Amino acid sequence: MENKVLKFKNYKKQLEKKDYYKVLSYNQLINEAHEALNKMGREDADNELLTDTRLLLLEFIARLDKISTSYSKSIYSLKGKIEDLLK
């Protein structure tokens, strides 16, 4: 039961983070990405950081898909690498 509660809390947190990234301006989204990269350089990438980065990349992909599919495809491959680290 406790495991289900933790999974639900993590899922809720991911939804909140995803919604947060959607309302950011493009510049703010870039700043979030820069901050995530700095964190990854300073410390071991834990699951929470990798999950946040994955959500951040998904938002970039969604926005870039509207502009250029070639840009979004390169970021999509990066997202795949992060998902591999989460496994």
N, C-alpha and C. Protein backbone atom coordinates (compact mmCIF):
# COMPACT_ATOMS: atom_id res chain seq x y z
N MET A 1 0.83 -1.19 0.00
CA MET A 1 0.00 0.00 0.00
C MET A 1 0.88 1.26 0.00
N GLU A 2 1.91 1.25 0.83
CA GLU A 2 2.81 2.40 0.91
C GLU A 2 3.47 2.67 -0.43
N ASN A 3 3.82 1.61 -1.15
CA ASN A 3 4.44 1.75 -2.46
C ASN A 3 3.49 2.44 -3.44
N LYS A 4 2.20 2.10 -3.39
CA LYS A 4 1.22 2.74 -4.26
C LYS A 4 1.08 4.22 -3.93
N VAL A 5 1.14 4.56 -2.66
CA VAL A 5 1.04 5.96 -2.25
C VAL A 5 2.25 6.75 -2.77
N LEU A 6 3.43 6.16 -2.65
CA LEU A 6 4.64 6.83 -3.16
C LEU A 6 4.58 7.01 -4.67
N LYS A 7 4.11 5.98 -5.37
CA LYS A 7 4.00 6.09 -6.82
C LYS A 7 3.01 7.18 -7.20
N PHE A 8 1.90 7.28 -6.47
CA PHE A 8 0.91 8.31 -6.76
C PHE A 8 1.49 9.70 -6.51
N LYS A 9 2.22 9.86 -5.40
CA LYS A 9 2.83 11.16 -5.10
C LYS A 9 3.84 11.55 -6.18
N ASN A 10 4.63 10.58 -6.63
CA ASN A 10 5.59 10.86 -7.71
C ASN A 10 4.88 11.23 -8.99
N TYR A 11 3.79 10.52 -9.31
CA TYR A 11 3.01 10.80 -10.51
C TYR A 11 2.42 12.20 -10.44
N LYS A 12 1.87 12.55 -9.27
CA LYS A 12 1.28 13.88 -9.09
C LYS A 12 2.34 14.96 -9.24
N LYS A 13 3.51 14.71 -8.68
CA LYS A 13 4.60 15.67 -8.77
C LYS A 13 5.03 15.86 -10.23
N GLN A 14 5.06 14.77 -10.99
CA GLN A 14 5.42 14.84 -12.41
C GLN A 14 4.39 15.65 -13.18
N LEU A 15 3.11 15.45 -12.88
CA LEU A 15 2.06 16.22 -13.56
C LEU A 15 2.20 17.70 -13.25
N GLU A 16 2.49 18.02 -11.99
CA GLU A 16 2.66 19.42 -11.61
C GLU A 16 3.85 20.03 -12.33
N LYS A 17 4.95 19.29 -12.41
CA LYS A 17 6.15 19.77 -13.09
C LYS A 17 5.88 19.96 -14.58
N LYS A 18 5.16 19.01 -15.16
CA LYS A 18 4.83 19.09 -16.59
C LYS A 18 3.98 20.34 -16.87
N ASP A 19 3.00 20.59 -16.03
CA ASP A 19 2.17 21.79 -16.18
C ASP A 19 2.99 23.05 -15.98
N TYR A 20 3.92 23.01 -15.03
CA TYR A 20 4.80 24.15 -14.77
C TYR A 20 5.62 24.48 -16.01
N TYR A 21 6.20 23.45 -16.65
CA TYR A 21 7.01 23.69 -17.84
C TYR A 21 6.17 24.24 -18.99
N LYS A 22 4.91 23.86 -19.07
CA LYS A 22 4.05 24.34 -20.15
C LYS A 22 3.79 25.83 -20.09
N VAL A 23 3.75 26.38 -18.89
CA VAL A 23 3.42 27.81 -18.76
C VAL A 23 4.64 28.72 -18.82
N LEU A 24 5.83 28.14 -18.80
CA LEU A 24 7.03 28.96 -18.87
C LEU A 24 7.22 29.55 -20.25
N SER A 25 7.81 30.73 -20.28
CA SER A 25 8.20 31.30 -21.56
C SER A 25 9.37 30.49 -22.10
N TYR A 26 9.68 30.67 -23.35
CA TYR A 26 10.78 29.92 -23.96
C TYR A 26 12.09 30.23 -23.24
N ASN A 27 12.30 31.48 -22.90
CA ASN A 27 13.51 31.88 -22.18
C ASN A 27 13.58 31.22 -20.80
N GLN A 28 12.47 31.20 -20.09
CA GLN A 28 12.44 30.56 -18.78
C GLN A 28 12.69 29.05 -18.89
N LEU A 29 12.17 28.44 -19.95
CA LEU A 29 12.39 27.01 -20.18
C LEU A 29 13.87 26.74 -20.42
N ILE A 30 14.52 27.60 -21.17
CA ILE A 30 15.96 27.47 -21.40
C ILE A 30 16.72 27.61 -20.09
N ASN A 31 16.30 28.56 -19.25
CA ASN A 31 16.94 28.73 -17.94
C ASN A 31 16.78 27.48 -17.08
N GLU A 32 15.60 26.87 -17.11
CA GLU A 32 15.38 25.62 -16.36
C GLU A 32 16.30 24.52 -16.88
N ALA A 33 16.46 24.45 -18.20
CA ALA A 33 17.33 23.43 -18.79
C ALA A 33 18.77 23.67 -18.38
N HIS A 34 19.18 24.93 -18.38
CA HIS A 34 20.55 25.27 -17.97
C HIS A 34 20.78 24.87 -16.51
N GLU A 35 19.81 25.15 -15.67
CA GLU A 35 19.91 24.79 -14.25
C GLU A 35 19.98 23.26 -14.08
N ALA A 36 19.19 22.53 -14.84
CA ALA A 36 19.22 21.06 -14.77
C ALA A 36 20.58 20.52 -15.20
N LEU A 37 21.14 21.10 -16.25
CA LEU A 37 22.47 20.67 -16.71
C LEU A 37 23.53 20.96 -15.66
N ASN A 38 23.43 22.10 -15.01
CA ASN A 38 24.37 22.43 -13.94
C ASN A 38 24.26 21.44 -12.79
N LYS A 39 23.04 21.08 -12.42
CA LYS A 39 22.84 20.10 -11.35
C LYS A 39 23.44 18.75 -11.73
N MET A 40 23.26 18.37 -12.97
CA MET A 40 23.79 17.08 -13.42
C MET A 40 25.31 17.09 -13.39
N GLY A 41 25.92 18.25 -13.59
CA GLY A 41 27.36 18.35 -13.56
C GLY A 41 27.93 18.38 -12.16
N ARG A 42 27.13 18.84 -11.20
CA ARG A 42 27.60 18.96 -9.82
C ARG A 42 27.36 17.72 -8.97
N GLU A 43 26.37 16.94 -9.33
CA GLU A 43 26.00 15.81 -8.48
C GLU A 43 25.60 14.62 -9.35
N ASP A 44 25.53 13.47 -8.71
CA ASP A 44 25.05 12.30 -9.44
C ASP A 44 23.60 12.52 -9.82
N ALA A 45 23.27 12.10 -11.01
CA ALA A 45 21.90 12.27 -11.49
C ALA A 45 21.00 11.21 -10.85
N ASP A 46 20.17 11.64 -9.91
CA ASP A 46 19.23 10.71 -9.31
C ASP A 46 17.97 10.63 -10.17
N ASN A 47 17.08 9.72 -9.80
CA ASN A 47 15.87 9.52 -10.61
C ASN A 47 15.01 10.77 -10.70
N GLU A 48 14.95 11.54 -9.63
CA GLU A 48 14.13 12.75 -9.65
C GLU A 48 14.68 13.76 -10.65
N LEU A 49 15.97 13.96 -10.64
CA LEU A 49 16.60 14.90 -11.58
C LEU A 49 16.43 14.41 -13.02
N LEU A 50 16.62 13.12 -13.23
CA LEU A 50 16.45 12.58 -14.58
C LEU A 50 15.00 12.68 -15.05
N THR A 51 14.06 12.44 -14.14
CA THR A 51 12.65 12.55 -14.50
C THR A 51 12.28 13.99 -14.84
N ASP A 52 12.76 14.93 -14.04
CA ASP A 52 12.51 16.35 -14.31
C ASP A 52 13.10 16.75 -15.66
N THR A 53 14.31 16.28 -15.93
CA THR A 53 14.97 16.59 -17.20
C THR A 53 14.20 15.99 -18.36
N ARG A 54 13.69 14.78 -18.18
CA ARG A 54 12.89 14.13 -19.22
C ARG A 54 11.64 14.96 -19.52
N LEU A 55 10.96 15.43 -18.48
CA LEU A 55 9.76 16.25 -18.66
C LEU A 55 10.10 17.58 -19.35
N LEU A 56 11.23 18.13 -18.97
CA LEU A 56 11.70 19.37 -19.59
C LEU A 56 11.95 19.16 -21.08
N LEU A 57 12.59 18.06 -21.41
CA LEU A 57 12.86 17.76 -22.82
C LEU A 57 11.57 17.51 -23.60
N LEU A 58 10.60 16.87 -22.97
CA LEU A 58 9.31 16.65 -23.64
C LEU A 58 8.65 17.98 -24.00
N GLU A 59 8.77 18.96 -23.11
CA GLU A 59 8.21 20.28 -23.40
C GLU A 59 8.96 20.95 -24.54
N PHE A 60 10.29 20.83 -24.54
CA PHE A 60 11.06 21.36 -25.66
C PHE A 60 10.64 20.71 -26.98
N ILE A 61 10.48 19.39 -26.96
CA ILE A 61 10.09 18.66 -28.16
C ILE A 61 8.74 19.15 -28.66
N ALA A 62 7.79 19.31 -27.76
CA ALA A 62 6.45 19.77 -28.15
C ALA A 62 6.51 21.15 -28.79
N ARG A 63 7.33 22.03 -28.23
CA ARG A 63 7.43 23.38 -28.79
C ARG A 63 8.20 23.40 -30.10
N LEU A 64 9.27 22.64 -30.16
CA LEU A 64 10.09 22.64 -31.38
C LEU A 64 9.40 21.93 -32.54
N ASP A 65 8.55 20.97 -32.24
CA ASP A 65 7.81 20.27 -33.29
C ASP A 65 7.00 21.25 -34.14
N LYS A 66 6.55 22.32 -33.50
CA LYS A 66 5.77 23.33 -34.21
C LYS A 66 6.64 24.16 -35.15
N ILE A 67 7.96 24.22 -34.85
CA ILE A 67 8.88 25.04 -35.62
C ILE A 67 9.67 24.21 -36.63
N SER A 68 10.28 23.14 -36.13
CA SER A 68 11.17 22.34 -36.97
C SER A 68 11.24 20.92 -36.42
N THR A 69 10.87 19.96 -37.23
CA THR A 69 10.93 18.57 -36.78
C THR A 69 12.37 18.07 -36.66
N SER A 70 13.29 18.64 -37.40
CA SER A 70 14.68 18.17 -37.30
C SER A 70 15.27 18.53 -35.93
N TYR A 71 14.93 19.71 -35.38
CA TYR A 71 15.40 20.07 -34.05
C TYR A 71 14.76 19.17 -33.00
N SER A 72 13.47 18.94 -33.14
CA SER A 72 12.79 18.13 -32.13
C SER A 72 13.27 16.69 -32.15
N LYS A 73 13.65 16.18 -33.32
CA LYS A 73 14.15 14.80 -33.39
C LYS A 73 15.47 14.64 -32.65
N SER A 74 16.34 15.64 -32.74
CA SER A 74 17.62 15.54 -32.03
C SER A 74 17.41 15.59 -30.53
N ILE A 75 16.48 16.40 -30.06
CA ILE A 75 16.19 16.45 -28.63
C ILE A 75 15.47 15.17 -28.20
N TYR A 76 14.65 14.63 -29.09
CA TYR A 76 13.95 13.38 -28.79
C TYR A 76 14.95 12.24 -28.55
N SER A 77 16.04 12.22 -29.30
CA SER A 77 17.04 11.17 -29.09
C SER A 77 17.73 11.36 -27.74
N LEU A 78 17.93 12.59 -27.32
CA LEU A 78 18.50 12.88 -26.01
C LEU A 78 17.56 12.41 -24.90
N LYS A 79 16.28 12.63 -25.10
CA LYS A 79 15.27 12.17 -24.14
C LYS A 79 15.34 10.65 -24.00
N GLY A 80 15.54 9.95 -25.11
CA GLY A 80 15.66 8.49 -25.07
C GLY A 80 16.84 8.04 -24.24
N LYS A 81 17.94 8.76 -24.34
CA LYS A 81 19.12 8.41 -23.54
C LYS A 81 18.84 8.61 -22.05
N ILE A 82 18.11 9.65 -21.71
CA ILE A 82 17.77 9.89 -20.31
C ILE A 82 16.82 8.80 -19.82
N GLU A 83 15.87 8.40 -20.64
CA GLU A 83 14.95 7.33 -20.25
C GLU A 83 15.71 6.02 -20.02
N ASP A 84 16.75 5.77 -20.81
CA ASP A 84 17.57 4.58 -20.60
C ASP A 84 18.24 4.62 -19.24
N LEU A 85 18.66 5.81 -18.81
CA LEU A 85 19.29 5.94 -17.49
C LEU A 85 18.28 5.72 -16.36
N LEU A 86 17.02 6.00 -16.62
CA LEU A 86 15.98 5.81 -15.61
C LEU A 86 15.63 4.33 -15.40
N LYS A 87 15.95 3.50 -16.36
CA LYS A 87 15.58 2.08 -16.27
C LYS A 87 16.45 1.34 -15.30
